[in-house]
Amino acid sequence: MIAFTKRANFFEAWQDCHAYDGHLASIQSAFEQTLVEEAMAKTGNPKGVYFIGGTDIGRDGRWMWIGLNQLMKANDYKNFYPGEPNNLNGNQECLTVGNWHGENRGKWDDFECLTRIDGYVCEFESVPTTTRRPK
């Protein structure tokens, strides 16, 4: 997992991760959650808000990992902040991490997909060997 501190909306982040032969982070275990939080902590903006690969675009309330093309099933690992996802104002369809402080720092929040936020977390099968950044 690598966190990028580049302001982007969900779709820009999705494309940037693909440009590196990766995908927006899919968090399917507490271990993967820790990897995402560690990646965020290593950035120049460790208190920023970052997109991850969860979305319910197309079917409100039916969350999936876009990079894996896999639904989040009822018994799958989830780390939503209490009361989330809440689809505030009817247009929060993409997942972020980093909205809260302290022990809740890694909790997930549904967020507006078209809003540019602090960055995003990409996942790779192996660490990319290139040093180029997505444009």
N, C-alpha and C. Protein backbone atom coordinates (compact mmCIF):
# COMPACT_ATOMS: atom_id res chain seq x y z
N MET A 1 0.85 -1.18 0.00
CA MET A 1 0.00 0.00 0.00
C MET A 1 0.90 1.24 0.00
N ILE A 2 0.50 2.19 -0.85
CA ILE A 2 1.21 3.47 -0.90
C ILE A 2 0.16 4.57 -0.89
N ALA A 3 0.33 5.53 0.02
CA ALA A 3 -0.56 6.69 0.08
C ALA A 3 0.07 7.83 -0.70
N PHE A 4 -0.72 8.43 -1.59
CA PHE A 4 -0.27 9.55 -2.40
C PHE A 4 -0.92 10.83 -1.87
N THR A 5 -0.12 11.85 -1.64
CA THR A 5 -0.64 13.14 -1.18
C THR A 5 -0.81 14.06 -2.38
N LYS A 6 -1.76 13.70 -3.21
CA LYS A 6 -2.10 14.48 -4.39
C LYS A 6 -3.61 14.70 -4.36
N ARG A 7 -4.04 15.96 -4.32
CA ARG A 7 -5.47 16.23 -4.28
C ARG A 7 -6.14 15.63 -5.51
N ALA A 8 -7.20 14.88 -5.26
CA ALA A 8 -7.89 14.20 -6.34
C ALA A 8 -9.29 13.83 -5.89
N ASN A 9 -10.19 13.68 -6.88
CA ASN A 9 -11.48 13.09 -6.56
C ASN A 9 -11.33 11.57 -6.72
N PHE A 10 -12.39 10.86 -6.43
CA PHE A 10 -12.33 9.39 -6.46
C PHE A 10 -11.92 8.86 -7.83
N PHE A 11 -12.47 9.43 -8.89
CA PHE A 11 -12.21 8.92 -10.23
C PHE A 11 -10.79 9.23 -10.69
N GLU A 12 -10.29 10.41 -10.33
CA GLU A 12 -8.89 10.74 -10.63
C GLU A 12 -7.96 9.80 -9.88
N ALA A 13 -8.28 9.54 -8.62
CA ALA A 13 -7.47 8.62 -7.81
C ALA A 13 -7.49 7.22 -8.40
N TRP A 14 -8.66 6.77 -8.82
CA TRP A 14 -8.81 5.45 -9.43
C TRP A 14 -7.92 5.34 -10.67
N GLN A 15 -7.97 6.37 -11.52
CA GLN A 15 -7.15 6.35 -12.73
C GLN A 15 -5.65 6.41 -12.41
N ASP A 16 -5.27 7.24 -11.44
CA ASP A 16 -3.85 7.34 -11.06
C ASP A 16 -3.33 5.99 -10.57
N CYS A 17 -4.08 5.31 -9.73
CA CYS A 17 -3.64 4.00 -9.25
C CYS A 17 -3.46 3.03 -10.42
N HIS A 18 -4.40 3.06 -11.36
CA HIS A 18 -4.29 2.19 -12.54
C HIS A 18 -3.08 2.55 -13.40
N ALA A 19 -2.72 3.83 -13.43
CA ALA A 19 -1.54 4.25 -14.20
C ALA A 19 -0.27 3.61 -13.66
N TYR A 20 -0.29 3.23 -12.39
CA TYR A 20 0.84 2.54 -11.75
C TYR A 20 0.65 1.03 -11.71
N ASP A 21 -0.33 0.51 -12.44
CA ASP A 21 -0.65 -0.93 -12.43
C ASP A 21 -1.11 -1.40 -11.05
N GLY A 22 -1.85 -0.54 -10.38
CA GLY A 22 -2.42 -0.90 -9.08
C GLY A 22 -3.91 -0.59 -9.09
N HIS A 23 -4.48 -0.50 -7.90
CA HIS A 23 -5.87 -0.10 -7.75
C HIS A 23 -6.05 0.58 -6.41
N LEU A 24 -7.14 1.32 -6.26
CA LEU A 24 -7.42 1.92 -4.96
C LEU A 24 -7.51 0.81 -3.92
N ALA A 25 -6.98 1.10 -2.75
CA ALA A 25 -6.84 0.08 -1.70
C ALA A 25 -8.17 -0.58 -1.35
N SER A 26 -8.12 -1.90 -1.27
CA SER A 26 -9.24 -2.72 -0.80
C SER A 26 -8.83 -3.25 0.57
N ILE A 27 -9.65 -3.00 1.57
CA ILE A 27 -9.30 -3.38 2.94
C ILE A 27 -10.20 -4.53 3.36
N GLN A 28 -9.63 -5.74 3.41
CA GLN A 28 -10.43 -6.92 3.71
C GLN A 28 -10.04 -7.61 5.01
N SER A 29 -9.18 -6.95 5.79
CA SER A 29 -8.77 -7.54 7.07
C SER A 29 -8.19 -6.45 7.95
N ALA A 30 -8.08 -6.73 9.24
CA ALA A 30 -7.43 -5.78 10.17
C ALA A 30 -5.98 -5.55 9.78
N PHE A 31 -5.31 -6.59 9.26
CA PHE A 31 -3.93 -6.43 8.81
C PHE A 31 -3.84 -5.42 7.66
N GLU A 32 -4.73 -5.54 6.66
CA GLU A 32 -4.72 -4.59 5.55
C GLU A 32 -5.09 -3.19 6.03
N GLN A 33 -5.98 -3.09 7.01
CA GLN A 33 -6.32 -1.79 7.60
C GLN A 33 -5.06 -1.15 8.18
N THR A 34 -4.27 -1.94 8.89
CA THR A 34 -3.01 -1.44 9.48
C THR A 34 -2.07 -0.97 8.39
N LEU A 35 -1.97 -1.70 7.28
CA LEU A 35 -1.09 -1.30 6.18
C LEU A 35 -1.51 0.06 5.60
N VAL A 36 -2.81 0.29 5.46
CA VAL A 36 -3.31 1.57 4.96
C VAL A 36 -2.96 2.68 5.94
N GLU A 37 -3.19 2.47 7.22
CA GLU A 37 -2.89 3.49 8.22
C GLU A 37 -1.39 3.78 8.27
N GLU A 38 -0.56 2.76 8.13
CA GLU A 38 0.89 2.97 8.10
C GLU A 38 1.30 3.77 6.87
N ALA A 39 0.69 3.48 5.71
CA ALA A 39 1.00 4.22 4.49
C ALA A 39 0.64 5.69 4.65
N MET A 40 -0.51 5.97 5.26
CA MET A 40 -0.92 7.36 5.50
C MET A 40 0.05 8.06 6.44
N ALA A 41 0.50 7.37 7.46
CA ALA A 41 1.40 7.95 8.46
C ALA A 41 2.76 8.33 7.86
N LYS A 42 3.16 7.67 6.78
CA LYS A 42 4.46 7.93 6.15
C LYS A 42 4.44 9.11 5.18
N THR A 43 3.29 9.71 4.95
CA THR A 43 3.20 10.80 3.98
C THR A 43 3.57 12.13 4.62
N GLY A 44 3.65 13.15 3.79
CA GLY A 44 3.86 14.51 4.27
C GLY A 44 2.61 15.09 4.89
N ASN A 45 1.49 14.38 4.79
CA ASN A 45 0.22 14.82 5.36
C ASN A 45 -0.44 13.65 6.09
N PRO A 46 0.16 13.23 7.22
CA PRO A 46 -0.37 12.04 7.91
C PRO A 46 -1.76 12.24 8.52
N LYS A 47 -2.23 13.48 8.62
CA LYS A 47 -3.56 13.73 9.17
C LYS A 47 -4.58 14.03 8.07
N GLY A 48 -4.20 13.77 6.82
CA GLY A 48 -5.09 14.02 5.70
C GLY A 48 -6.18 12.98 5.58
N VAL A 49 -7.11 13.25 4.67
CA VAL A 49 -8.21 12.33 4.35
C VAL A 49 -7.90 11.73 2.98
N TYR A 50 -8.02 10.40 2.87
CA TYR A 50 -7.60 9.67 1.68
C TYR A 50 -8.71 8.78 1.16
N PHE A 51 -8.86 8.74 -0.17
CA PHE A 51 -9.79 7.79 -0.78
C PHE A 51 -9.20 6.38 -0.72
N ILE A 52 -10.08 5.41 -0.50
CA ILE A 52 -9.78 3.99 -0.67
C ILE A 52 -10.77 3.46 -1.70
N GLY A 53 -10.70 2.19 -2.06
CA GLY A 53 -11.44 1.67 -3.20
C GLY A 53 -12.87 1.22 -2.99
N GLY A 54 -13.51 1.59 -1.92
CA GLY A 54 -14.89 1.20 -1.70
C GLY A 54 -15.87 2.17 -2.32
N THR A 55 -16.93 1.65 -2.93
CA THR A 55 -17.96 2.49 -3.52
C THR A 55 -19.31 1.76 -3.56
N ASP A 56 -20.37 2.56 -3.52
CA ASP A 56 -21.71 2.00 -3.76
C ASP A 56 -22.39 2.72 -4.93
N ILE A 57 -21.56 3.22 -5.86
CA ILE A 57 -22.09 3.87 -7.07
C ILE A 57 -22.95 2.85 -7.82
N GLY A 58 -24.13 3.28 -8.20
CA GLY A 58 -25.02 2.43 -8.99
C GLY A 58 -26.04 1.68 -8.17
N ARG A 59 -25.70 1.30 -6.96
CA ARG A 59 -26.64 0.59 -6.07
C ARG A 59 -26.41 1.09 -4.65
N ASP A 60 -27.17 2.10 -4.26
CA ASP A 60 -27.00 2.71 -2.95
C ASP A 60 -27.08 1.65 -1.85
N GLY A 61 -26.07 1.64 -1.01
CA GLY A 61 -26.02 0.72 0.12
C GLY A 61 -25.38 -0.62 -0.19
N ARG A 62 -25.10 -0.90 -1.45
CA ARG A 62 -24.43 -2.15 -1.82
C ARG A 62 -22.97 -1.82 -2.13
N TRP A 63 -22.13 -1.93 -1.10
CA TRP A 63 -20.73 -1.53 -1.19
C TRP A 63 -19.89 -2.60 -1.85
N MET A 64 -18.93 -2.15 -2.63
CA MET A 64 -18.01 -3.07 -3.29
C MET A 64 -16.61 -2.47 -3.31
N TRP A 65 -15.63 -3.32 -3.52
CA TRP A 65 -14.25 -2.89 -3.76
C TRP A 65 -14.06 -2.81 -5.26
N ILE A 66 -13.92 -1.58 -5.77
CA ILE A 66 -13.87 -1.36 -7.22
C ILE A 66 -12.64 -2.02 -7.85
N GLY A 67 -11.51 -2.03 -7.16
CA GLY A 67 -10.29 -2.62 -7.73
C GLY A 67 -10.34 -4.13 -7.84
N LEU A 68 -11.16 -4.75 -7.00
CA LEU A 68 -11.30 -6.21 -7.01
C LEU A 68 -12.57 -6.65 -7.72
N ASN A 69 -13.45 -5.67 -8.02
CA ASN A 69 -14.76 -5.97 -8.58
C ASN A 69 -15.48 -7.00 -7.70
N GLN A 70 -15.47 -6.72 -6.39
CA GLN A 70 -15.98 -7.67 -5.40
C GLN A 70 -16.88 -6.96 -4.40
N LEU A 71 -18.07 -7.53 -4.19
CA LEU A 71 -19.00 -6.98 -3.21
C LEU A 71 -18.48 -7.17 -1.79
N MET A 72 -18.81 -6.22 -0.91
CA MET A 72 -18.57 -6.40 0.52
C MET A 72 -19.76 -7.16 1.07
N LYS A 73 -19.53 -8.37 1.50
CA LYS A 73 -20.61 -9.20 2.03
C LYS A 73 -20.82 -8.90 3.51
N ALA A 74 -21.94 -9.35 4.03
CA ALA A 74 -22.34 -9.04 5.40
C ALA A 74 -21.28 -9.44 6.43
N ASN A 75 -20.60 -10.56 6.22
CA ASN A 75 -19.63 -11.03 7.22
C ASN A 75 -18.20 -10.61 6.90
N ASP A 76 -17.99 -9.78 5.86
CA ASP A 76 -16.65 -9.31 5.51
C ASP A 76 -16.16 -8.27 6.51
N TYR A 77 -14.85 -8.10 6.57
CA TYR A 77 -14.25 -7.07 7.42
C TYR A 77 -14.75 -5.69 6.98
N LYS A 78 -15.15 -4.88 7.95
CA LYS A 78 -15.54 -3.48 7.71
C LYS A 78 -15.05 -2.66 8.89
N ASN A 79 -14.76 -1.38 8.64
CA ASN A 79 -14.26 -0.51 9.69
C ASN A 79 -14.91 0.87 9.61
N PHE A 80 -16.23 0.89 9.43
CA PHE A 80 -16.95 2.16 9.36
C PHE A 80 -16.98 2.84 10.72
N TYR A 81 -16.89 4.16 10.71
CA TYR A 81 -17.11 4.95 11.92
C TYR A 81 -18.57 4.72 12.34
N PRO A 82 -18.87 4.73 13.65
CA PRO A 82 -20.27 4.53 14.07
C PRO A 82 -21.20 5.53 13.37
N GLY A 83 -22.30 5.02 12.85
CA GLY A 83 -23.26 5.84 12.12
C GLY A 83 -22.96 5.98 10.63
N GLU A 84 -21.85 5.44 10.20
CA GLU A 84 -21.48 5.46 8.79
C GLU A 84 -21.66 4.06 8.21
N PRO A 85 -21.90 3.92 6.94
CA PRO A 85 -22.13 4.98 5.97
C PRO A 85 -23.53 5.57 6.15
N ASN A 86 -23.63 6.90 5.95
CA ASN A 86 -24.92 7.54 6.15
C ASN A 86 -25.46 8.24 4.90
N ASN A 87 -24.68 8.27 3.82
CA ASN A 87 -25.10 8.89 2.56
C ASN A 87 -25.67 10.29 2.79
N LEU A 88 -24.96 11.10 3.57
CA LEU A 88 -25.38 12.46 3.89
C LEU A 88 -25.70 13.24 2.62
N ASN A 89 -26.84 13.87 2.59
CA ASN A 89 -27.32 14.65 1.44
C ASN A 89 -27.52 13.81 0.19
N GLY A 90 -27.50 12.49 0.31
CA GLY A 90 -27.82 11.60 -0.80
C GLY A 90 -26.76 11.46 -1.88
N ASN A 91 -25.52 11.90 -1.62
CA ASN A 91 -24.52 11.81 -2.68
C ASN A 91 -23.15 11.35 -2.17
N GLN A 92 -23.11 10.57 -1.10
CA GLN A 92 -21.84 10.04 -0.59
C GLN A 92 -21.74 8.57 -1.01
N GLU A 93 -20.93 8.32 -2.03
CA GLU A 93 -20.88 6.98 -2.59
C GLU A 93 -19.47 6.40 -2.69
N CYS A 94 -18.48 7.08 -2.11
CA CYS A 94 -17.09 6.62 -2.18
C CYS A 94 -16.48 6.65 -0.79
N LEU A 95 -15.62 5.67 -0.51
CA LEU A 95 -15.06 5.55 0.84
C LEU A 95 -13.77 6.34 1.01
N THR A 96 -13.67 6.94 2.20
CA THR A 96 -12.45 7.61 2.62
C THR A 96 -12.02 7.05 3.96
N VAL A 97 -10.78 7.33 4.29
CA VAL A 97 -10.23 6.99 5.60
C VAL A 97 -9.44 8.20 6.07
N GLY A 98 -9.49 8.48 7.36
CA GLY A 98 -8.72 9.59 7.92
C GLY A 98 -9.54 10.78 8.37
N ASN A 99 -10.88 10.67 8.37
CA ASN A 99 -11.72 11.81 8.74
C ASN A 99 -11.73 12.12 10.23
N TRP A 100 -11.38 11.16 11.07
CA TRP A 100 -11.46 11.35 12.51
C TRP A 100 -10.07 11.27 13.13
N HIS A 101 -9.99 11.65 14.39
CA HIS A 101 -8.69 11.72 15.07
C HIS A 101 -8.57 10.62 16.13
N GLY A 102 -7.36 10.47 16.65
CA GLY A 102 -7.10 9.52 17.73
C GLY A 102 -7.35 8.09 17.30
N GLU A 103 -7.95 7.33 18.18
CA GLU A 103 -8.16 5.89 17.92
C GLU A 103 -9.13 5.65 16.77
N ASN A 104 -9.88 6.67 16.38
CA ASN A 104 -10.83 6.53 15.26
C ASN A 104 -10.23 6.94 13.92
N ARG A 105 -8.94 7.26 13.88
CA ARG A 105 -8.26 7.76 12.69
C ARG A 105 -8.48 6.87 11.46
N GLY A 106 -8.47 5.57 11.64
CA GLY A 106 -8.59 4.65 10.51
C GLY A 106 -10.01 4.28 10.12
N LYS A 107 -10.99 4.83 10.81
CA LYS A 107 -12.39 4.48 10.50
C LYS A 107 -12.80 5.00 9.12
N TRP A 108 -13.68 4.26 8.49
CA TRP A 108 -14.14 4.59 7.14
C TRP A 108 -15.33 5.54 7.19
N ASP A 109 -15.43 6.36 6.13
CA ASP A 109 -16.54 7.29 5.98
C ASP A 109 -16.96 7.30 4.52
N ASP A 110 -18.26 7.35 4.26
CA ASP A 110 -18.70 7.55 2.88
C ASP A 110 -18.62 9.05 2.59
N PHE A 111 -18.22 9.38 1.36
CA PHE A 111 -17.89 10.76 1.02
C PHE A 111 -18.29 11.01 -0.43
N GLU A 112 -18.40 12.30 -0.81
CA GLU A 112 -18.75 12.66 -2.18
C GLU A 112 -17.61 12.27 -3.12
N CYS A 113 -17.93 11.55 -4.16
CA CYS A 113 -16.91 11.04 -5.10
C CYS A 113 -16.23 12.14 -5.90
N LEU A 114 -16.94 13.22 -6.20
CA LEU A 114 -16.38 14.26 -7.06
C LEU A 114 -15.63 15.34 -6.31
N THR A 115 -15.59 15.26 -5.00
CA THR A 115 -14.86 16.24 -4.20
C THR A 115 -13.39 15.84 -4.14
N ARG A 116 -12.52 16.79 -4.40
CA ARG A 116 -11.08 16.54 -4.29
C ARG A 116 -10.69 16.61 -2.83
N ILE A 117 -10.00 15.57 -2.38
CA ILE A 117 -9.52 15.53 -0.99
C ILE A 117 -8.00 15.39 -1.00
N ASP A 118 -7.41 15.18 0.16
CA ASP A 118 -5.96 15.25 0.34
C ASP A 118 -5.15 14.23 -0.44
N GLY A 119 -5.73 13.07 -0.71
CA GLY A 119 -4.97 12.05 -1.42
C GLY A 119 -5.74 10.75 -1.52
N TYR A 120 -4.98 9.67 -1.75
CA TYR A 120 -5.58 8.36 -1.96
C TYR A 120 -4.54 7.29 -1.68
N VAL A 121 -5.04 6.08 -1.41
CA VAL A 121 -4.15 4.96 -1.11
C VAL A 121 -4.31 3.92 -2.22
N CYS A 122 -3.18 3.59 -2.84
CA CYS A 122 -3.16 2.58 -3.90
C CYS A 122 -2.61 1.27 -3.35
N GLU A 123 -3.07 0.19 -3.91
CA GLU A 123 -2.61 -1.16 -3.56
C GLU A 123 -2.00 -1.79 -4.80
N PHE A 124 -0.93 -2.54 -4.58
CA PHE A 124 -0.20 -3.17 -5.67
C PHE A 124 0.07 -4.63 -5.33
N GLU A 125 0.15 -5.46 -6.35
CA GLU A 125 0.57 -6.84 -6.14
C GLU A 125 2.01 -6.87 -5.67
N SER A 126 2.81 -5.95 -6.20
CA SER A 126 4.19 -5.75 -5.74
C SER A 126 4.47 -4.26 -5.82
N VAL A 127 5.50 -3.79 -5.15
CA VAL A 127 5.81 -2.37 -5.13
C VAL A 127 6.24 -1.94 -6.53
N PRO A 128 5.66 -0.86 -7.06
CA PRO A 128 6.04 -0.42 -8.40
C PRO A 128 7.51 0.01 -8.44
N THR A 129 8.15 -0.26 -9.57
CA THR A 129 9.56 0.06 -9.69
C THR A 129 9.78 1.45 -10.27
N THR A 130 8.77 2.08 -10.78
CA THR A 130 8.91 3.40 -11.36
C THR A 130 8.85 4.48 -10.29
N THR A 131 9.46 5.61 -10.58
CA THR A 131 9.39 6.73 -9.65
C THR A 131 8.54 7.84 -10.22
N ARG A 132 7.93 7.64 -11.40
CA ARG A 132 7.09 8.68 -11.98
C ARG A 132 5.79 8.78 -11.18
N ARG A 133 5.26 9.98 -11.11
CA ARG A 133 4.00 10.22 -10.43
C ARG A 133 2.90 10.35 -11.46
N PRO A 134 1.67 9.96 -11.13
CA PRO A 134 0.56 10.16 -12.06
C PRO A 134 0.39 11.65 -12.33
N LYS A 135 0.00 12.00 -13.54
CA LYS A 135 -0.22 13.42 -13.90
C LYS A 135 -1.63 13.83 -13.59
